[in-house]
Amino acid sequence: MSNELTFESAHEQINAYVEKLEKGNLSLEESMECYEKAFKLMEFCYKQLDDCKLRITEINERFEKLNKTGDVFDD
């Protein structure tokens, strides 16, 4: 995937592939290509979501530490 790809643009591309597949006027090979491309984009999106989840967890841990000790920056 390109470094310029965003979650939102990947999501839009997935939707476009799904629409093409739902129309049903593609050959088997074209359908497989759409499916594979959509799957790669989905992998990208899931990685983005996992990365965000990790960042949120880290921020929440720092916040809890701040609440307990009053000093979040004593790493």
Protein backbone atom coordinates (compact mmCIF):
# COMPACT_ATOMS: atom_id res chain seq x y z
CA MET A 1 0.00 0.00 0.00
CA SER A 2 1.09 3.54 -0.70
CA ASN A 3 2.39 5.76 2.08
CA GLU A 4 -0.20 8.33 0.96
CA LEU A 5 -3.13 5.98 1.54
CA THR A 6 -5.39 7.00 4.39
CA PHE A 7 -7.97 5.01 6.28
CA GLU A 8 -10.73 7.09 4.73
CA SER A 9 -9.51 6.71 1.15
CA ALA A 10 -9.01 2.97 1.64
CA HIS A 11 -12.55 2.71 2.97
CA GLU A 12 -13.90 4.55 -0.08
CA GLN A 13 -11.97 2.25 -2.40
CA ILE A 14 -13.32 -0.83 -0.62
CA ASN A 15 -16.85 0.48 -1.08
CA ALA A 16 -16.19 1.04 -4.79
CA TYR A 17 -14.94 -2.55 -5.19
CA VAL A 18 -17.96 -3.89 -3.31
CA GLU A 19 -20.30 -1.95 -5.60
CA LYS A 20 -18.54 -3.38 -8.66
CA LEU A 21 -18.84 -6.90 -7.26
CA GLU A 22 -22.51 -6.44 -6.34
CA LYS A 23 -23.41 -5.37 -9.88
CA GLY A 24 -22.42 -8.86 -11.00
CA ASN A 25 -21.32 -7.91 -14.50
CA LEU A 26 -17.64 -8.79 -14.04
CA SER A 27 -15.86 -11.85 -15.31
CA LEU A 28 -14.60 -14.35 -12.78
CA GLU A 29 -11.04 -13.01 -13.14
CA GLU A 30 -12.20 -9.40 -12.72
CA SER A 31 -14.22 -10.39 -9.67
CA MET A 32 -11.19 -12.07 -8.13
CA GLU A 33 -9.03 -9.00 -8.78
CA CYS A 34 -11.60 -6.75 -7.11
CA TYR A 35 -11.89 -9.13 -4.17
CA GLU A 36 -8.11 -9.31 -3.70
CA LYS A 37 -7.67 -5.55 -3.93
CA ALA A 38 -10.49 -4.96 -1.45
CA PHE A 39 -8.99 -7.53 0.92
CA LYS A 40 -5.58 -5.79 0.84
CA LEU A 41 -7.28 -2.50 1.59
CA MET A 42 -9.17 -4.13 4.47
CA GLU A 43 -5.88 -5.40 5.89
CA PHE A 44 -4.53 -1.85 5.71
CA CYS A 45 -7.63 -0.52 7.52
CA TYR A 46 -7.43 -3.15 10.25
CA LYS A 47 -3.76 -2.31 10.82
CA GLN A 48 -4.65 1.37 11.09
CA LEU A 49 -7.37 0.54 13.64
CA ASP A 50 -4.99 -1.70 15.63
CA ASP A 51 -2.39 1.08 15.68
CA CYS A 52 -4.99 3.56 16.94
CA LYS A 53 -6.14 1.12 19.60
CA LEU A 54 -2.55 0.76 20.83
CA ARG A 55 -2.10 4.53 20.92
CA ILE A 56 -5.34 4.95 22.88
CA THR A 57 -4.25 2.28 25.35
CA GLU A 58 -0.89 4.00 25.85
CA ILE A 59 -2.56 7.39 26.36
CA ASN A 60 -5.02 5.90 28.86
CA GLU A 61 -2.16 4.28 30.78
CA ARG A 62 -0.35 7.62 30.95
CA PHE A 63 -3.55 9.30 32.11
CA GLU A 64 -4.04 6.70 34.86
CA LYS A 65 -0.44 7.18 35.92
CA LEU A 66 -0.96 10.95 36.04
CA ASN A 67 -4.05 10.49 38.20
CA LYS A 68 -2.16 8.23 40.62
CA THR A 69 1.19 10.02 40.85
CA GLY A 70 0.56 13.49 39.51
CA ASP A 71 3.59 13.05 37.19
CA VAL A 72 3.06 11.45 33.80
CA PHE A 73 6.50 12.43 32.50
CA ASP A 74 8.77 10.43 34.80
CA ASP A 75 9.49 7.71 32.21
